[in-house]
């Protein structure tokens, strides 16, 4: 059973991750301009780096428990970028020798998600006119 305290920490991590993403993206837009989505790229790179660091750190420090792992990895990084989760899961598949599954994961996440954006736009444009 998840306690109210655990949910509150998860929510706090998520709120801080969302704010961090917004501010970093805004700063990148001001620094680099809007011609290329550098903000998103940098957020995804930092999120992927951070989730790798945290995954290794928590693996070496089981005494820290699930509360910190959930707060930082699911809450903060989950709101900061879901790309970090995708990257860690793909890396894990590669580590255990599931190269085909890793490639499928990459292909499906990129291909299907871009297709879902396209579908959402088409459906909305049809309804809105």
C-alpha atoms as a PDB file:
ATOM      1  CA  UNK A   1       0.000   0.000   0.000  1.00  0.00           C
ATOM      2  CA  UNK A   2       1.299   3.443  -0.889  1.00  0.00           C
ATOM      3  CA  UNK A   3       1.144   5.999   1.896  1.00  0.00           C
ATOM      4  CA  UNK A   4       0.037   9.608   1.617  1.00  0.00           C
ATOM      5  CA  UNK A   5       3.604  10.623   2.473  1.00  0.00           C
ATOM      6  CA  UNK A   6       4.992   8.582  -0.443  1.00  0.00           C
ATOM      7  CA  UNK A   7       2.470  10.101  -2.832  1.00  0.00           C
ATOM      8  CA  UNK A   8       3.278  13.586  -1.558  1.00  0.00           C
ATOM      9  CA  UNK A   9       7.004  13.057  -2.198  1.00  0.00           C
ATOM     10  CA  UNK A  10       6.248  11.653  -5.653  1.00  0.00           C
ATOM     11  CA  UNK A  11       4.101  14.709  -6.421  1.00  0.00           C
ATOM     12  CA  UNK A  12       6.781  17.064  -5.086  1.00  0.00           C
ATOM     13  CA  UNK A  13       9.415  15.391  -7.256  1.00  0.00           C
ATOM     14  CA  UNK A  14       7.095  15.664 -10.250  1.00  0.00           C
ATOM     15  CA  UNK A  15       6.381  19.333  -9.610  1.00  0.00           C
ATOM     16  CA  UNK A  16      10.071  20.151  -9.296  1.00  0.00           C
ATOM     17  CA  UNK A  17      10.886  18.144 -12.432  1.00  0.00           C
ATOM     18  CA  UNK A  18       8.225  19.964 -14.447  1.00  0.00           C
ATOM     19  CA  UNK A  19       9.472  23.363 -13.291  1.00  0.00           C
ATOM     20  CA  UNK A  20      13.080  22.387 -14.038  1.00  0.00           C
ATOM     21  CA  UNK A  21      12.120  21.241 -17.535  1.00  0.00           C
ATOM     22  CA  UNK A  22      10.201  24.441 -18.244  1.00  0.00           C
ATOM     23  CA  UNK A  23      12.978  26.733 -17.017  1.00  0.00           C
ATOM     24  CA  UNK A  24      15.744  24.822 -18.793  1.00  0.00           C
ATOM     25  CA  UNK A  25      13.793  24.719 -22.060  1.00  0.00           C
ATOM     26  CA  UNK A  26      12.995  28.418 -21.776  1.00  0.00           C
ATOM     27  CA  UNK A  27      16.652  29.220 -21.134  1.00  0.00           C
ATOM     28  CA  UNK A  28      17.751  27.129 -24.117  1.00  0.00           C
ATOM     29  CA  UNK A  29      15.201  28.842 -26.359  1.00  0.00           C
ATOM     30  CA  UNK A  30      16.561  32.238 -25.326  1.00  0.00           C
ATOM     31  CA  UNK A  31      20.178  31.108 -25.703  1.00  0.00           C
ATOM     32  CA  UNK A  32      19.925  29.172 -28.982  1.00  0.00           C
ATOM     33  CA  UNK A  33      16.744  30.525 -30.583  1.00  0.00           C
ATOM     34  CA  UNK A  34      13.748  28.603 -31.860  1.00  0.00           C
ATOM     35  CA  UNK A  35      15.096  27.281 -35.183  1.00  0.00           C
ATOM     36  CA  UNK A  36      15.802  23.847 -33.634  1.00  0.00           C
ATOM     37  CA  UNK A  37      14.331  22.297 -30.457  1.00  0.00           C
ATOM     38  CA  UNK A  38      17.602  22.424 -28.506  1.00  0.00           C
ATOM     39  CA  UNK A  39      15.715  22.755 -25.229  1.00  0.00           C
ATOM     40  CA  UNK A  40      14.018  19.396 -25.678  1.00  0.00           C
ATOM     41  CA  UNK A  41      17.241  17.758 -26.827  1.00  0.00           C
ATOM     42  CA  UNK A  42      19.179  19.077 -23.835  1.00  0.00           C
ATOM     43  CA  UNK A  43      16.410  18.090 -21.409  1.00  0.00           C
ATOM     44  CA  UNK A  44      16.341  14.579 -22.872  1.00  0.00           C
ATOM     45  CA  UNK A  45      20.131  14.264 -22.750  1.00  0.00           C
ATOM     46  CA  UNK A  46      20.335  15.519 -19.163  1.00  0.00           C
ATOM     47  CA  UNK A  47      17.418  13.345 -18.090  1.00  0.00           C
ATOM     48  CA  UNK A  48      19.022  10.285 -19.658  1.00  0.00           C
ATOM     49  CA  UNK A  49      22.363  11.064 -18.020  1.00  0.00           C
ATOM     50  CA  UNK A  50      20.685  11.614 -14.639  1.00  0.00           C
ATOM     51  CA  UNK A  51      18.622   8.427 -14.765  1.00  0.00           C
ATOM     52  CA  UNK A  52      21.770   6.467 -15.606  1.00  0.00           C
ATOM     53  CA  UNK A  53      23.617   8.021 -12.671  1.00  0.00           C
ATOM     54  CA  UNK A  54      20.697   7.412 -10.309  1.00  0.00           C
ATOM     55  CA  UNK A  55      20.122   3.830 -11.501  1.00  0.00           C
ATOM     56  CA  UNK A  56      23.766   2.978 -10.806  1.00  0.00           C
ATOM     57  CA  UNK A  57      23.757   4.877  -7.513  1.00  0.00           C
ATOM     58  CA  UNK A  58      20.614   3.212  -6.198  1.00  0.00           C
ATOM     59  CA  UNK A  59      21.895  -0.199  -7.318  1.00  0.00           C
ATOM     60  CA  UNK A  60      25.027   0.368  -5.225  1.00  0.00           C
ATOM     61  CA  UNK A  61      23.105   1.831  -2.285  1.00  0.00           C
ATOM     62  CA  UNK A  62      20.142  -0.438  -1.465  1.00  0.00           C
ATOM     63  CA  UNK A  63      20.015   1.208   1.968  1.00  0.00           C
ATOM     64  CA  UNK A  64      18.454   4.286   0.359  1.00  0.00           C
ATOM     65  CA  UNK A  65      15.227   2.413  -0.308  1.00  0.00           C
ATOM     66  CA  UNK A  66      12.420   2.844  -2.788  1.00  0.00           C
ATOM     67  CA  UNK A  67      11.203   6.174  -1.424  1.00  0.00           C
ATOM     68  CA  UNK A  68      14.191   8.123  -2.748  1.00  0.00           C
ATOM     69  CA  UNK A  69      14.276   6.107  -5.960  1.00  0.00           C
ATOM     70  CA  UNK A  70      10.595   6.801  -6.586  1.00  0.00           C
ATOM     71  CA  UNK A  71      10.852  10.477  -5.679  1.00  0.00           C
ATOM     72  CA  UNK A  72      13.853  11.165  -7.893  1.00  0.00           C
ATOM     73  CA  UNK A  73      13.501   8.718 -10.785  1.00  0.00           C
ATOM     74  CA  UNK A  74       9.733   8.474 -11.163  1.00  0.00           C
ATOM     75  CA  UNK A  75       8.738  11.870  -9.766  1.00  0.00           C
ATOM     76  CA  UNK A  76      11.451  14.344 -10.727  1.00  0.00           C
ATOM     77  CA  UNK A  77      12.843  12.678 -13.855  1.00  0.00           C
ATOM     78  CA  UNK A  78       9.417  11.400 -14.905  1.00  0.00           C
ATOM     79  CA  UNK A  79       8.195  14.984 -15.091  1.00  0.00           C
ATOM     80  CA  UNK A  80      11.523  16.301 -16.364  1.00  0.00           C
ATOM     81  CA  UNK A  81      11.571  13.850 -19.289  1.00  0.00           C
ATOM     82  CA  UNK A  82       9.987  10.487 -19.985  1.00  0.00           C
ATOM     83  CA  UNK A  83      12.720   9.996 -22.557  1.00  0.00           C
ATOM     84  CA  UNK A  84      15.053   9.137 -19.698  1.00  0.00           C
ATOM     85  CA  UNK A  85      12.881   6.137 -18.769  1.00  0.00           C
ATOM     86  CA  UNK A  86      12.791   5.018 -22.391  1.00  0.00           C
ATOM     87  CA  UNK A  87      16.578   5.330 -22.582  1.00  0.00           C
ATOM     88  CA  UNK A  88      17.164   3.335 -19.388  1.00  0.00           C
ATOM     89  CA  UNK A  89      14.756   0.583 -20.442  1.00  0.00           C
ATOM     90  CA  UNK A  90      16.423   0.329 -23.862  1.00  0.00           C
ATOM     91  CA  UNK A  91      19.880   0.238 -22.259  1.00  0.00           C
ATOM     92  CA  UNK A  92      18.702  -2.545 -19.944  1.00  0.00           C
ATOM     93  CA  UNK A  93      17.483  -4.597 -22.915  1.00  0.00           C
ATOM     94  CA  UNK A  94      20.890  -4.150 -24.574  1.00  0.00           C
ATOM     95  CA  UNK A  95      22.698  -5.114 -21.360  1.00  0.00           C
ATOM     96  CA  UNK A  96      20.827  -8.410 -21.109  1.00  0.00           C
ATOM     97  CA  UNK A  97      21.486  -9.205 -24.761  1.00  0.00           C
ATOM     98  CA  UNK A  98      17.979  -8.500 -26.036  1.00  0.00           C
ATOM     99  CA  UNK A  99      19.179  -6.512 -29.045  1.00  0.00           C
ATOM    100  CA  UNK A 100      16.086  -7.294 -31.102  1.00  0.00           C
ATOM    101  CA  UNK A 101      13.796  -6.133 -28.312  1.00  0.00           C
ATOM    102  CA  UNK A 102      15.905  -2.994 -27.841  1.00  0.00           C
ATOM    103  CA  UNK A 103      15.633  -2.145 -31.546  1.00  0.00           C
ATOM    104  CA  UNK A 104      11.919  -2.893 -31.471  1.00  0.00           C
ATOM    105  CA  UNK A 105      11.530  -0.633 -28.441  1.00  0.00           C
ATOM    106  CA  UNK A 106      13.367   2.190 -30.224  1.00  0.00           C
ATOM    107  CA  UNK A 107      11.418   1.740 -33.448  1.00  0.00           C
ATOM    108  CA  UNK A 108       8.047   1.465 -31.747  1.00  0.00           C
ATOM    109  CA  UNK A 109       8.561   4.374 -29.369  1.00  0.00           C
ATOM    110  CA  UNK A 110       9.757   6.722 -32.072  1.00  0.00           C
ATOM    111  CA  UNK A 111       7.579   5.511 -34.931  1.00  0.00           C
ATOM    112  CA  UNK A 112       4.377   4.968 -32.984  1.00  0.00           C
ATOM    113  CA  UNK A 113       4.690   8.139 -30.927  1.00  0.00           C
ATOM    114  CA  UNK A 114       5.250  10.307 -33.989  1.00  0.00           C
ATOM    115  CA  UNK A 115       2.320   8.516 -35.645  1.00  0.00           C
ATOM    116  CA  UNK A 116       0.193   9.175 -32.551  1.00  0.00           C
ATOM    117  CA  UNK A 117       1.020  12.894 -32.749  1.00  0.00           C
ATOM    118  CA  UNK A 118       0.052  12.893 -36.422  1.00  0.00           C
ATOM    119  CA  UNK A 119      -3.205  11.043 -35.648  1.00  0.00           C
ATOM    120  CA  UNK A 120      -4.030  13.438 -32.820  1.00  0.00           C
ATOM    121  CA  UNK A 121      -3.486  16.417 -35.111  1.00  0.00           C
ATOM    122  CA  UNK A 122      -5.582  14.903 -37.913  1.00  0.00           C
ATOM    123  CA  UNK A 123      -8.460  13.979 -35.575  1.00  0.00           C
ATOM    124  CA  UNK A 124      -8.434  17.398 -33.940  1.00  0.00           C
ATOM    125  CA  UNK A 125      -8.253  19.264 -37.238  1.00  0.00           C
ATOM    126  CA  UNK A 126     -11.245  17.279 -38.516  1.00  0.00           C
ATOM    127  CA  UNK A 127     -13.295  18.214 -35.444  1.00  0.00           C
ATOM    128  CA  UNK A 128     -12.179  21.819 -35.212  1.00  0.00           C
ATOM    129  CA  UNK A 129     -12.323  22.447 -38.922  1.00  0.00           C
END
